[in-house]
N, C-alpha and C. Protein backbone atom coordinates (compact mmCIF):
# COMPACT_ATOMS: atom_id res chain seq x y z
N THR A 1 -288.63 -49.91 183.20
CA THR A 1 -287.87 -49.29 182.52
C THR A 1 -287.65 -47.96 183.56
N TRP A 2 -288.81 -47.31 183.70
CA TRP A 2 -289.15 -45.96 184.62
C TRP A 2 -288.15 -45.49 185.43
N TRP A 3 -287.88 -46.46 186.31
CA TRP A 3 -287.04 -46.94 187.48
C TRP A 3 -285.33 -46.28 187.04
N GLN A 4 -284.73 -46.87 186.34
CA GLN A 4 -283.66 -46.47 185.55
C GLN A 4 -283.51 -45.35 185.14
N THR A 5 -284.42 -44.81 185.00
CA THR A 5 -284.22 -42.51 184.08
C THR A 5 -283.72 -42.07 185.38
N SER A 6 -283.37 -41.02 185.04
CA SER A 6 -282.88 -40.04 186.27
C SER A 6 -283.74 -39.61 187.58
N LEU A 7 -285.20 -39.64 186.42
CA LEU A 7 -286.27 -39.10 187.31
C LEU A 7 -286.56 -40.49 188.18
N GLY A 8 -286.48 -41.74 187.95
CA GLY A 8 -287.08 -42.37 188.41
C GLY A 8 -286.10 -43.06 189.63
N GLN A 9 -284.50 -43.08 189.41
CA GLN A 9 -283.51 -43.16 190.57
C GLN A 9 -283.56 -42.11 191.47
N CYS A 10 -283.80 -41.13 190.87
CA CYS A 10 -284.38 -39.99 191.89
C CYS A 10 -284.92 -40.18 192.77
N VAL A 11 -286.19 -40.72 192.49
CA VAL A 11 -287.07 -41.13 193.86
C VAL A 11 -286.67 -42.28 194.43
N PHE A 12 -286.28 -43.25 193.69
CA PHE A 12 -285.56 -44.09 194.47
C PHE A 12 -284.51 -44.09 195.39
N LYS A 13 -284.10 -43.05 195.36
CA LYS A 13 -283.01 -42.48 196.14
C LYS A 13 -283.37 -42.09 197.04
N GLN A 14 -284.26 -41.00 197.05
CA GLN A 14 -284.72 -40.29 198.48
C GLN A 14 -285.65 -41.21 199.13
N GLU A 15 -286.21 -42.12 198.70
CA GLU A 15 -287.05 -43.32 199.14
C GLU A 15 -286.27 -43.87 199.98
N GLN A 16 -285.32 -44.85 199.78
CA GLN A 16 -284.23 -45.70 199.96
C GLN A 16 -283.06 -44.76 201.33
N GLN A 17 -283.16 -43.36 200.90
CA GLN A 17 -282.37 -42.68 202.38
C GLN A 17 -283.57 -42.29 203.16
N LEU A 18 -284.71 -42.40 203.31
CA LEU A 18 -285.90 -42.21 204.19
C LEU A 18 -285.74 -43.40 205.21
N PHE A 19 -286.00 -44.43 204.24
CA PHE A 19 -285.91 -45.88 204.99
C PHE A 19 -284.66 -46.08 205.84
N GLN A 20 -283.53 -45.70 205.36
CA GLN A 20 -282.55 -46.13 206.52
C GLN A 20 -282.05 -45.11 207.49
N SER A 21 -282.99 -43.74 207.34
CA SER A 21 -282.97 -43.33 208.80
C SER A 21 -284.39 -43.48 209.37
N THR A 22 -285.06 -44.12 208.92
CA THR A 22 -286.24 -44.41 209.87
C THR A 22 -286.16 -46.14 210.01
N PRO A 23 -285.07 -46.70 210.73
CA PRO A 23 -285.71 -48.35 210.42
C PRO A 23 -286.73 -48.59 211.85
N GLU A 24 -287.07 -47.51 212.73
CA GLU A 24 -288.56 -47.94 213.73
C GLU A 24 -289.39 -48.33 213.06
N HIS A 25 -289.39 -48.22 211.64
CA HIS A 25 -290.65 -48.43 211.18
C HIS A 25 -290.41 -49.88 210.78
N PHE A 26 -289.77 -50.24 210.67
CA PHE A 26 -289.18 -52.17 209.99
C PHE A 26 -288.84 -52.65 211.48
N HIS A 27 -289.81 -53.37 211.06
CA HIS A 27 -289.95 -54.64 213.00
C HIS A 27 -289.75 -55.55 212.51
N GLY A 28 -289.35 -56.89 213.24
CA GLY A 28 -290.06 -58.14 213.21
C GLY A 28 -288.87 -58.81 212.63
N TYR A 29 -289.44 -60.77 212.40
CA TYR A 29 -288.35 -61.31 211.81
C TYR A 29 -288.50 -61.43 210.59
N TYR A 30 -289.96 -61.17 209.53
CA TYR A 30 -290.33 -61.03 208.02
C TYR A 30 -290.61 -60.21 207.92
N GLN A 31 -289.89 -60.04 206.68
CA GLN A 31 -289.61 -58.47 206.03
C GLN A 31 -290.15 -58.87 204.32
N LEU A 32 -291.23 -57.99 203.94
CA LEU A 32 -291.59 -58.15 202.25
C LEU A 32 -291.64 -56.85 201.94
N GLN A 33 -291.12 -56.57 200.53
CA GLN A 33 -291.09 -55.49 199.69
C GLN A 33 -291.66 -56.06 198.24
N ILE A 34 -293.14 -55.30 197.94
CA ILE A 34 -293.64 -55.77 196.54
C ILE A 34 -293.42 -54.17 195.64
N GLY A 35 -293.19 -54.85 194.08
CA GLY A 35 -293.78 -53.54 193.36
C GLY A 35 -292.33 -52.78 193.00
N LEU A 36 -290.75 -53.33 193.55
CA LEU A 36 -290.10 -52.62 193.00
C LEU A 36 -288.62 -53.65 193.21
N GLU A 37 -287.97 -53.70 192.20
CA GLU A 37 -286.81 -54.77 192.07
C GLU A 37 -286.26 -54.56 193.14
N GLN A 38 -285.54 -53.21 193.00
CA GLN A 38 -284.55 -52.63 193.92
C GLN A 38 -284.87 -52.56 195.17
N ASN A 39 -284.06 -53.05 196.10
CA ASN A 39 -283.67 -52.97 197.75
C ASN A 39 -284.51 -51.73 198.32
N LEU A 40 -285.22 -51.25 198.83
CA LEU A 40 -285.86 -50.11 199.89
C LEU A 40 -285.19 -50.76 201.37
N LEU A 41 -285.34 -51.66 202.13
CA LEU A 41 -285.63 -51.81 203.06
C LEU A 41 -284.36 -52.06 203.51
N PRO A 42 -284.15 -51.33 204.82
CA PRO A 42 -282.92 -50.78 205.60
C PRO A 42 -281.90 -51.34 205.68
N ASP A 43 -280.57 -51.25 206.17
CA ASP A 43 -279.78 -52.49 206.38
C ASP A 43 -280.03 -52.73 208.17
N MET A 44 -280.72 -53.97 208.42
CA MET A 44 -280.79 -54.53 209.70
C MET A 44 -279.97 -55.96 210.06
N THR A 45 -280.05 -56.08 211.46
CA THR A 45 -279.32 -57.05 212.10
C THR A 45 -280.14 -58.44 212.39
N MET A 46 -281.75 -57.96 212.75
CA MET A 46 -282.93 -58.59 213.22
C MET A 46 -283.09 -59.23 212.13
N PRO A 47 -283.89 -58.46 210.78
CA PRO A 47 -284.66 -59.90 210.13
C PRO A 47 -283.99 -61.00 210.00
N LYS A 48 -285.03 -62.31 210.29
CA LYS A 48 -284.37 -63.56 209.28
C LYS A 48 -284.88 -63.73 208.19
N LEU A 49 -285.64 -63.29 207.36
CA LEU A 49 -286.23 -63.46 206.30
C LEU A 49 -286.58 -62.04 205.52
N ARG A 50 -285.89 -61.99 204.38
CA ARG A 50 -286.36 -60.48 203.83
C ARG A 50 -286.48 -61.09 202.23
N MET A 51 -287.51 -60.57 201.79
CA MET A 51 -287.66 -60.77 200.26
C MET A 51 -288.21 -59.35 199.42
N ARG A 52 -288.70 -60.06 198.25
CA ARG A 52 -288.78 -59.02 197.15
C ARG A 52 -289.77 -59.49 196.33
N MET A 53 -290.92 -58.88 196.27
CA MET A 53 -291.72 -59.61 195.06
C MET A 53 -291.91 -58.95 193.88
N ALA A 54 -291.07 -59.15 192.52
CA ALA A 54 -291.29 -58.17 191.34
C ALA A 54 -290.75 -59.06 190.22
N SER A 55 -290.70 -58.45 189.31
CA SER A 55 -290.40 -59.28 188.28
C SER A 55 -288.76 -59.21 188.36
N SER A 56 -287.87 -59.90 188.03
CA SER A 56 -286.69 -60.53 188.42
C SER A 56 -285.93 -60.14 189.68
N ALA A 57 -287.06 -60.64 190.29
CA ALA A 57 -286.61 -60.13 192.34
C ALA A 57 -286.64 -61.99 193.01
N ASP A 58 -287.03 -61.92 194.08
CA ASP A 58 -286.89 -63.04 194.85
C ASP A 58 -288.27 -64.00 194.69
N VAL A 59 -289.23 -62.97 194.22
CA VAL A 59 -290.79 -63.90 194.01
C VAL A 59 -291.47 -63.22 193.06
N MET A 60 -292.00 -64.08 191.74
CA MET A 60 -293.01 -63.38 191.11
C MET A 60 -294.35 -63.94 191.67
N GLY A 61 -295.23 -62.77 191.35
CA GLY A 61 -296.67 -63.38 192.02
C GLY A 61 -297.29 -61.96 191.67
N CYS A 62 -298.88 -62.44 191.75
CA CYS A 62 -299.75 -61.31 191.69
C CYS A 62 -299.94 -60.50 192.81
N ASN A 63 -300.08 -59.31 192.68
CA ASN A 63 -300.63 -58.40 193.66
C ASN A 63 -301.79 -58.36 194.23
N GLU A 64 -302.77 -58.68 193.79
CA GLU A 64 -304.08 -58.97 194.39
C GLU A 64 -304.21 -60.59 194.86
N ALA A 65 -303.44 -60.86 194.58
CA ALA A 65 -303.18 -62.65 194.84
C ALA A 65 -302.12 -62.98 195.77
N LEU A 66 -301.60 -62.52 196.88
CA LEU A 66 -299.95 -62.74 196.86
C LEU A 66 -299.88 -64.21 197.43
N PRO A 67 -299.13 -65.11 197.04
CA PRO A 67 -298.51 -66.44 197.29
C PRO A 67 -297.67 -66.68 198.44
N PHE A 68 -298.51 -66.21 199.46
CA PHE A 68 -297.88 -66.25 200.83
C PHE A 68 -299.07 -66.62 202.20
N LYS A 69 -298.78 -67.31 203.25
CA LYS A 69 -299.58 -67.86 203.91
C LYS A 69 -300.05 -66.42 204.93
N SER A 70 -301.50 -66.67 205.23
CA SER A 70 -302.02 -65.64 205.98
C SER A 70 -300.74 -65.46 207.68
N LYS A 71 -300.68 -64.04 207.77
CA LYS A 71 -300.12 -63.92 208.96
C LYS A 71 -299.00 -64.41 208.96
N SER A 72 -297.80 -64.35 208.14
CA SER A 72 -296.69 -65.03 207.92
C SER A 72 -295.65 -63.54 208.03
N PHE A 73 -295.97 -62.37 207.68
CA PHE A 73 -295.35 -61.22 207.55
C PHE A 73 -294.96 -60.11 208.82
N ASP A 74 -294.07 -59.74 209.21
CA ASP A 74 -294.10 -58.56 210.80
C ASP A 74 -293.86 -56.96 209.71
N THR A 75 -293.25 -56.46 208.59
CA THR A 75 -293.18 -55.70 208.00
C THR A 75 -293.61 -55.96 206.32
N LEU A 76 -294.53 -54.99 205.59
CA LEU A 76 -294.90 -54.95 204.15
C LEU A 76 -294.49 -53.75 203.54
N VAL A 77 -294.13 -53.60 202.56
CA VAL A 77 -293.64 -52.29 202.15
C VAL A 77 -294.37 -52.16 200.42
N LEU A 78 -295.54 -51.51 200.14
CA LEU A 78 -295.66 -51.63 199.14
C LEU A 78 -295.39 -50.31 198.45
N SER A 79 -294.41 -50.46 197.42
CA SER A 79 -293.89 -49.28 196.76
C SER A 79 -294.51 -49.35 195.72
N HIS A 80 -295.31 -48.51 194.87
CA HIS A 80 -295.90 -47.70 194.11
C HIS A 80 -296.85 -49.06 193.50
N VAL A 81 -297.36 -49.82 194.43
CA VAL A 81 -298.15 -50.72 193.80
C VAL A 81 -299.80 -50.75 193.63
N LEU A 82 -300.45 -49.58 193.98
CA LEU A 82 -301.82 -49.21 194.25
C LEU A 82 -301.75 -48.52 192.94
N GLU A 83 -301.15 -47.22 192.47
CA GLU A 83 -301.54 -46.93 191.02
C GLU A 83 -301.90 -47.45 189.87
N PHE A 84 -301.06 -48.67 190.16
CA PHE A 84 -300.92 -49.56 188.87
C PHE A 84 -301.66 -50.59 188.80
N SER A 85 -302.32 -50.92 189.69
CA SER A 85 -303.28 -52.05 190.25
C SER A 85 -304.75 -52.02 189.45
N PRO A 86 -305.29 -52.95 188.99
CA PRO A 86 -306.43 -52.91 188.76
C PRO A 86 -307.71 -53.35 189.29
N ASP A 87 -307.09 -53.43 190.79
CA ASP A 87 -307.98 -53.38 192.16
C ASP A 87 -307.34 -53.28 193.39
N PRO A 88 -307.05 -51.70 193.65
CA PRO A 88 -306.28 -51.70 194.49
C PRO A 88 -306.51 -52.00 196.05
N HIS A 89 -308.08 -51.75 196.40
CA HIS A 89 -308.90 -52.41 197.63
C HIS A 89 -308.30 -53.61 197.74
N GLN A 90 -308.34 -54.53 196.68
CA GLN A 90 -307.41 -56.25 196.70
C GLN A 90 -306.35 -56.28 197.12
N VAL A 91 -305.45 -55.32 196.72
CA VAL A 91 -303.92 -55.37 197.46
C VAL A 91 -304.08 -55.04 198.77
N LEU A 92 -304.82 -54.50 199.21
CA LEU A 92 -304.94 -53.88 200.89
C LEU A 92 -305.47 -54.87 201.44
N ARG A 93 -306.26 -55.70 200.96
CA ARG A 93 -306.91 -56.43 201.71
C ARG A 93 -305.97 -57.80 201.71
N GLU A 94 -305.22 -58.17 200.53
CA GLU A 94 -304.07 -59.01 200.70
C GLU A 94 -302.73 -58.48 201.50
N ALA A 95 -302.94 -57.33 201.65
CA ALA A 95 -302.00 -57.24 202.44
C ALA A 95 -302.36 -57.34 204.25
N GLU A 96 -303.73 -56.89 204.34
CA GLU A 96 -303.93 -57.35 205.41
C GLU A 96 -303.72 -58.50 205.88
N ARG A 97 -304.21 -59.76 205.17
CA ARG A 97 -304.16 -61.10 204.94
C ARG A 97 -302.65 -61.46 205.73
N ILE A 98 -301.81 -61.23 204.82
CA ILE A 98 -300.41 -61.92 205.20
C ILE A 98 -299.39 -60.96 206.52
N LEU A 99 -300.24 -60.14 206.83
CA LEU A 99 -299.25 -59.29 208.04
C LEU A 99 -299.75 -59.81 209.54
N VAL A 100 -299.47 -60.17 210.52
CA VAL A 100 -299.29 -60.46 211.76
C VAL A 100 -300.32 -59.18 212.31
N GLY A 101 -300.64 -59.46 213.58
CA GLY A 101 -301.23 -58.59 214.42
C GLY A 101 -300.25 -57.11 214.67
N ASP A 102 -300.67 -56.08 214.62
CA ASP A 102 -299.63 -55.11 214.83
C ASP A 102 -298.65 -55.20 213.86
N GLY A 103 -298.83 -56.01 212.75
CA GLY A 103 -297.52 -55.96 211.88
C GLY A 103 -298.05 -54.40 211.23
N THR A 104 -296.69 -54.12 210.50
CA THR A 104 -296.43 -52.78 210.02
C THR A 104 -296.45 -52.84 208.17
N LEU A 105 -297.50 -51.74 207.53
CA LEU A 105 -297.38 -51.95 206.49
C LEU A 105 -297.42 -50.71 205.93
N ILE A 106 -295.87 -50.48 204.98
CA ILE A 106 -295.85 -48.75 204.18
C ILE A 106 -295.70 -49.21 203.09
N ILE A 107 -296.86 -47.85 202.81
CA ILE A 107 -297.04 -47.56 201.21
C ILE A 107 -296.70 -46.72 200.67
N CYS A 108 -295.90 -46.47 199.32
CA CYS A 108 -295.61 -45.50 198.71
C CYS A 108 -296.47 -44.92 197.86
N CYS A 109 -296.66 -43.69 197.22
CA CYS A 109 -297.69 -43.98 196.12
C CYS A 109 -297.36 -42.23 195.79
N PHE A 110 -297.94 -42.20 194.75
CA PHE A 110 -297.42 -40.30 194.28
C PHE A 110 -298.66 -39.65 194.30
N ASN A 111 -298.51 -38.42 194.73
CA ASN A 111 -299.36 -37.45 195.17
C ASN A 111 -300.36 -37.02 194.17
N PRO A 112 -301.75 -36.86 194.45
CA PRO A 112 -302.16 -36.14 193.03
C PRO A 112 -302.11 -34.61 193.16
N TRP A 113 -302.00 -34.33 194.21
CA TRP A 113 -302.41 -32.75 194.20
C TRP A 113 -300.39 -32.23 194.29
N SER A 114 -299.67 -31.98 193.40
CA SER A 114 -298.38 -31.62 193.48
C SER A 114 -298.07 -31.92 191.89
N TRP A 115 -297.44 -31.02 191.44
CA TRP A 115 -296.30 -30.95 190.26
C TRP A 115 -296.90 -32.18 189.54
N TRP A 116 -296.31 -33.29 190.15
CA TRP A 116 -296.26 -34.75 189.62
C TRP A 116 -297.98 -35.19 189.27
N GLY A 117 -299.16 -34.84 190.06
CA GLY A 117 -300.25 -34.74 189.79
C GLY A 117 -300.75 -34.10 188.60
N LEU A 118 -300.13 -32.80 188.50
CA LEU A 118 -300.64 -31.94 187.40
C LEU A 118 -299.86 -32.70 186.04
N ARG A 119 -299.01 -33.21 186.24
CA ARG A 119 -298.46 -33.76 185.05
C ARG A 119 -299.19 -35.18 184.65
N HIS A 120 -299.65 -35.73 185.50
CA HIS A 120 -300.74 -37.14 185.48
C HIS A 120 -301.90 -36.80 184.72
N VAL A 121 -302.18 -35.61 184.79
CA VAL A 121 -303.54 -35.89 184.46
C VAL A 121 -303.69 -34.81 182.68
N ILE A 122 -302.14 -34.59 182.33
CA ILE A 122 -301.97 -34.56 180.50
C ILE A 122 -302.73 -35.54 179.98
N PRO A 123 -303.60 -34.68 178.91
CA PRO A 123 -304.01 -36.03 177.92
C PRO A 123 -303.33 -36.57 177.65
N TYR A 124 -303.02 -38.08 177.23
CA TYR A 124 -302.51 -38.81 176.16
C TYR A 124 -300.96 -39.10 176.53
N ASN A 125 -300.90 -38.85 178.22
CA ASN A 125 -299.80 -39.23 178.66
C ASN A 125 -299.48 -40.40 178.99
N THR A 126 -299.29 -41.63 178.32
CA THR A 126 -299.75 -43.23 178.82
C THR A 126 -298.35 -43.61 179.34
N SER A 127 -297.28 -42.91 179.04
CA SER A 127 -296.06 -43.53 179.88
C SER A 127 -296.08 -43.60 181.07
N ALA A 128 -294.89 -44.77 181.22
CA ALA A 128 -294.91 -44.42 183.22
C ALA A 128 -294.18 -43.41 183.22
N PRO A 129 -294.45 -43.31 185.08
CA PRO A 129 -295.51 -43.82 185.52
C PRO A 129 -296.99 -42.90 185.34
N TRP A 130 -297.07 -42.24 184.55
CA TRP A 130 -297.91 -41.32 184.67
C TRP A 130 -299.74 -41.63 183.73
N HIS A 131 -299.72 -43.08 183.31
CA HIS A 131 -300.98 -43.73 183.21
C HIS A 131 -301.34 -44.55 184.37
N GLY A 132 -300.93 -44.25 185.36
CA GLY A 132 -301.47 -44.75 186.76
C GLY A 132 -302.36 -44.04 187.47
N HIS A 133 -303.11 -44.71 188.50
CA HIS A 133 -304.28 -43.81 188.71
C HIS A 133 -303.17 -43.65 190.16
N PHE A 134 -303.24 -42.03 190.33
CA PHE A 134 -302.67 -41.44 191.62
C PHE A 134 -303.78 -41.52 192.77
N PHE A 135 -303.71 -41.69 193.89
CA PHE A 135 -304.57 -41.47 194.94
C PHE A 135 -304.40 -40.39 196.27
N GLY A 136 -305.30 -40.22 196.26
CA GLY A 136 -304.88 -39.21 197.57
C GLY A 136 -304.95 -39.62 198.66
N GLN A 137 -303.99 -38.94 199.88
CA GLN A 137 -303.85 -39.61 200.80
C GLN A 137 -305.14 -40.18 201.57
N SER A 138 -305.91 -39.08 202.07
CA SER A 138 -307.46 -39.02 202.65
C SER A 138 -308.16 -40.57 202.19
N ARG A 139 -307.99 -40.89 200.75
CA ARG A 139 -308.84 -42.08 200.44
C ARG A 139 -307.77 -43.22 200.84
N ILE A 140 -306.92 -43.17 200.63
CA ILE A 140 -306.24 -44.21 201.11
C ILE A 140 -306.12 -44.81 202.20
N THR A 141 -306.03 -43.59 203.12
CA THR A 141 -306.29 -43.60 204.46
C THR A 141 -307.37 -44.26 204.77
N ASP A 142 -308.68 -43.92 204.36
CA ASP A 142 -309.70 -44.19 204.67
C ASP A 142 -309.75 -45.95 204.31
N TRP A 143 -309.38 -46.04 203.05
CA TRP A 143 -309.14 -47.79 202.84
C TRP A 143 -309.18 -48.58 204.03
N LEU A 144 -307.77 -47.99 204.22
CA LEU A 144 -307.11 -48.44 205.66
C LEU A 144 -307.86 -48.74 206.73
N SER A 145 -308.76 -47.55 206.84
CA SER A 145 -309.40 -47.78 208.21
C SER A 145 -310.35 -48.84 208.22
N LEU A 146 -310.76 -48.98 207.02
CA LEU A 146 -311.60 -50.08 206.80
C LEU A 146 -311.37 -51.69 207.19
N LEU A 147 -309.58 -51.59 207.16
CA LEU A 147 -309.53 -52.76 207.55
C LEU A 147 -308.58 -52.68 208.39
N ASN A 148 -308.95 -52.12 209.68
CA ASN A 148 -308.53 -51.67 211.09
C ASN A 148 -306.86 -51.15 211.42
N PHE A 149 -306.49 -50.62 210.33
CA PHE A 149 -305.34 -50.54 210.24
C PHE A 149 -305.29 -48.45 210.86
N ASP A 150 -304.74 -48.71 211.33
CA ASP A 150 -303.98 -47.21 211.85
C ASP A 150 -302.65 -46.13 211.37
N VAL A 151 -302.81 -45.30 210.68
CA VAL A 151 -301.93 -44.83 210.18
C VAL A 151 -301.14 -43.94 210.98
N ILE A 152 -299.81 -44.26 211.49
CA ILE A 152 -299.33 -43.76 212.45
C ILE A 152 -297.78 -42.66 212.05
N SER A 153 -297.27 -42.53 210.87
CA SER A 153 -296.69 -41.72 210.30
C SER A 153 -296.70 -41.11 208.62
N THR A 154 -296.64 -40.34 208.82
CA THR A 154 -296.82 -39.91 206.98
C THR A 154 -295.39 -39.17 206.81
N GLU A 155 -294.73 -39.48 205.87
CA GLU A 155 -293.50 -38.59 205.06
C GLU A 155 -293.48 -38.15 203.55
N ARG A 156 -293.04 -37.17 203.49
CA ARG A 156 -293.40 -36.52 201.96
C ARG A 156 -291.88 -36.67 201.61
N LEU A 157 -291.94 -36.60 199.91
CA LEU A 157 -290.95 -36.54 199.54
C LEU A 157 -290.67 -36.06 197.90
N MET A 158 -290.04 -35.40 197.59
CA MET A 158 -289.70 -34.85 195.94
C MET A 158 -290.81 -33.77 195.70
N PHE A 159 -290.21 -32.66 196.00
CA PHE A 159 -291.17 -31.44 195.68
C PHE A 159 -290.89 -30.72 194.83
N ARG A 160 -289.62 -30.88 193.87
CA ARG A 160 -289.25 -30.53 192.74
C ARG A 160 -290.47 -31.21 191.89
N PRO A 161 -290.58 -30.30 190.70
CA PRO A 161 -291.05 -30.55 189.66
C PRO A 161 -290.78 -32.08 188.77
N PRO A 162 -291.57 -32.83 188.35
CA PRO A 162 -290.77 -34.13 187.49
C PRO A 162 -290.01 -34.04 186.27
N PHE A 163 -289.02 -33.33 186.60
CA PHE A 163 -288.20 -33.04 185.35
C PHE A 163 -287.85 -34.32 184.78
N LYS A 164 -287.44 -34.73 183.80
CA LYS A 164 -286.67 -35.88 182.65
C LYS A 164 -284.85 -35.84 182.68
N SER A 165 -284.60 -34.53 182.76
CA SER A 165 -283.62 -34.16 182.56
C SER A 165 -282.45 -34.17 184.07
N GLU A 166 -281.60 -34.77 184.14
CA GLU A 166 -280.74 -34.92 185.57
C GLU A 166 -280.28 -33.57 185.74
N LYS A 167 -279.63 -32.52 185.10
CA LYS A 167 -279.58 -31.48 184.89
C LYS A 167 -280.27 -30.49 185.63
N TRP A 168 -281.47 -30.97 185.19
CA TRP A 168 -282.43 -29.59 185.86
C TRP A 168 -283.27 -30.35 187.42
N LEU A 169 -282.86 -31.60 187.47
CA LEU A 169 -283.12 -32.44 188.82
C LEU A 169 -282.44 -31.86 189.54
N THR A 170 -280.61 -31.65 189.21
CA THR A 170 -279.68 -30.76 190.33
C THR A 170 -279.93 -29.87 190.33
N ARG A 171 -280.48 -28.76 189.79
CA ARG A 171 -280.86 -27.66 189.52
C ARG A 171 -281.79 -27.44 190.60
N THR A 172 -282.61 -27.80 190.41
CA THR A 172 -283.93 -27.72 191.46
C THR A 172 -283.75 -28.36 192.49
N ALA A 173 -282.61 -28.88 193.16
CA ALA A 173 -282.66 -29.98 194.60
C ALA A 173 -282.77 -29.08 195.78
N LYS A 174 -282.56 -27.66 196.12
CA LYS A 174 -282.72 -27.36 196.79
C LYS A 174 -284.60 -26.40 197.18
N ILE A 175 -285.46 -26.78 196.22
CA ILE A 175 -286.72 -26.86 196.24
C ILE A 175 -287.61 -27.66 197.57
N GLU A 176 -286.42 -28.94 197.58
CA GLU A 176 -287.09 -30.05 198.52
C GLU A 176 -286.60 -29.75 199.83
N GLN A 177 -285.70 -28.59 200.51
CA GLN A 177 -285.84 -28.07 201.46
C GLN A 177 -287.10 -26.97 201.80
N TRP A 178 -287.28 -26.61 201.00
CA TRP A 178 -288.41 -25.05 201.16
C TRP A 178 -289.50 -25.57 200.94
N GLY A 179 -289.85 -27.16 200.44
CA GLY A 179 -291.06 -28.22 200.59
C GLY A 179 -291.67 -28.54 201.67
N HIS A 180 -290.34 -29.16 202.31
CA HIS A 180 -290.57 -29.76 203.71
C HIS A 180 -291.07 -28.90 204.37
N LYS A 181 -290.42 -27.47 204.48
CA LYS A 181 -291.06 -26.23 205.20
C LYS A 181 -292.09 -25.63 204.88
N PHE A 182 -292.59 -25.28 203.74
CA PHE A 182 -293.54 -24.65 203.48
C PHE A 182 -294.62 -24.86 202.72
N TRP A 183 -294.46 -26.36 202.21
CA TRP A 183 -295.76 -26.54 201.58
C TRP A 183 -295.32 -27.93 201.52
N PRO A 184 -295.55 -28.91 202.45
CA PRO A 184 -295.27 -30.46 202.87
C PRO A 184 -296.67 -31.17 202.11
N VAL A 185 -297.46 -30.90 201.82
CA VAL A 185 -298.86 -31.56 201.33
C VAL A 185 -298.93 -31.27 199.65
N LEU A 186 -297.87 -30.52 199.27
CA LEU A 186 -297.60 -30.96 197.71
C LEU A 186 -296.17 -31.28 197.43
N SER A 187 -296.29 -32.38 198.27
CA SER A 187 -294.65 -33.32 197.64
C SER A 187 -295.23 -34.12 196.65
N GLY A 188 -294.48 -34.69 195.68
CA GLY A 188 -294.89 -35.51 194.22
C GLY A 188 -294.99 -37.17 195.05
N VAL A 189 -294.54 -37.23 196.07
CA VAL A 189 -294.43 -38.83 197.00
C VAL A 189 -294.64 -38.70 198.20
N THR A 190 -296.08 -39.58 198.63
CA THR A 190 -296.37 -39.68 199.94
C THR A 190 -296.05 -40.75 200.19
N ILE A 191 -295.41 -41.53 201.65
CA ILE A 191 -295.23 -42.22 202.57
C ILE A 191 -295.63 -42.60 203.66
N LEU A 192 -297.21 -43.59 203.60
CA LEU A 192 -297.87 -43.88 205.03
C LEU A 192 -297.40 -44.94 205.30
N VAL A 193 -297.45 -44.76 206.96
CA VAL A 193 -297.06 -46.08 207.77
C VAL A 193 -298.54 -46.30 208.56
N ALA A 194 -298.58 -47.64 208.45
CA ALA A 194 -299.74 -47.64 209.18
C ALA A 194 -299.39 -49.36 209.87
N THR A 195 -300.39 -49.29 210.87
CA THR A 195 -300.07 -50.53 211.68
C THR A 195 -301.76 -51.34 211.84
N LYS A 196 -301.17 -52.67 211.65
CA LYS A 196 -302.84 -53.57 211.44
C LYS A 196 -302.85 -53.68 213.24
N ARG A 197 -304.42 -53.31 213.78
CA ARG A 197 -304.96 -53.64 215.06
C ARG A 197 -305.65 -54.60 214.79
N THR A 198 -305.68 -55.36 215.87
CA THR A 198 -307.16 -56.49 216.22
C THR A 198 -307.01 -56.62 217.60
N ILE A 199 -308.61 -57.02 217.34
CA ILE A 199 -309.37 -56.85 218.69
C ILE A 199 -309.31 -58.59 219.13
């Protein structure tokens, strides 16, 4: 239900706009999105099959044991899945399993080194999404390298503080431009684009 709040919708819209403007990251005939009911995949004519795995979506399943054949997808989007998984390593192993050679993995995650990360460490803050485990970019990159993934692109979003109020989110919208220019590493959301390498 957090995704229906003003803050959740702000994150969703920024991610959706980014993906719509970067269709080059989405290739192949078979594409899968995991972790969010709303569609993040950009409008394209090429894909033959596009699926979403989440509650009330196309498929329901376990992120640590994906109900798909090996090497069955060209592009996979993990939308804030690692933060809330009991075994994020296994999620990435499953992602590697179902992707074809040279397939693309896109990971959306909250950045612990930001305003979002500061709010995350407040004691007794057990509501979504603050109850999850935020992982830094370098840590996720290390996990990916062990699975023969190369990170080819990094995108950053949500530089404004995580206000609940829509009014304050609107008032601080200009911070987004400043953040991209002056403090990109402090973004609230980091998006990693990686390619699966095969020998």
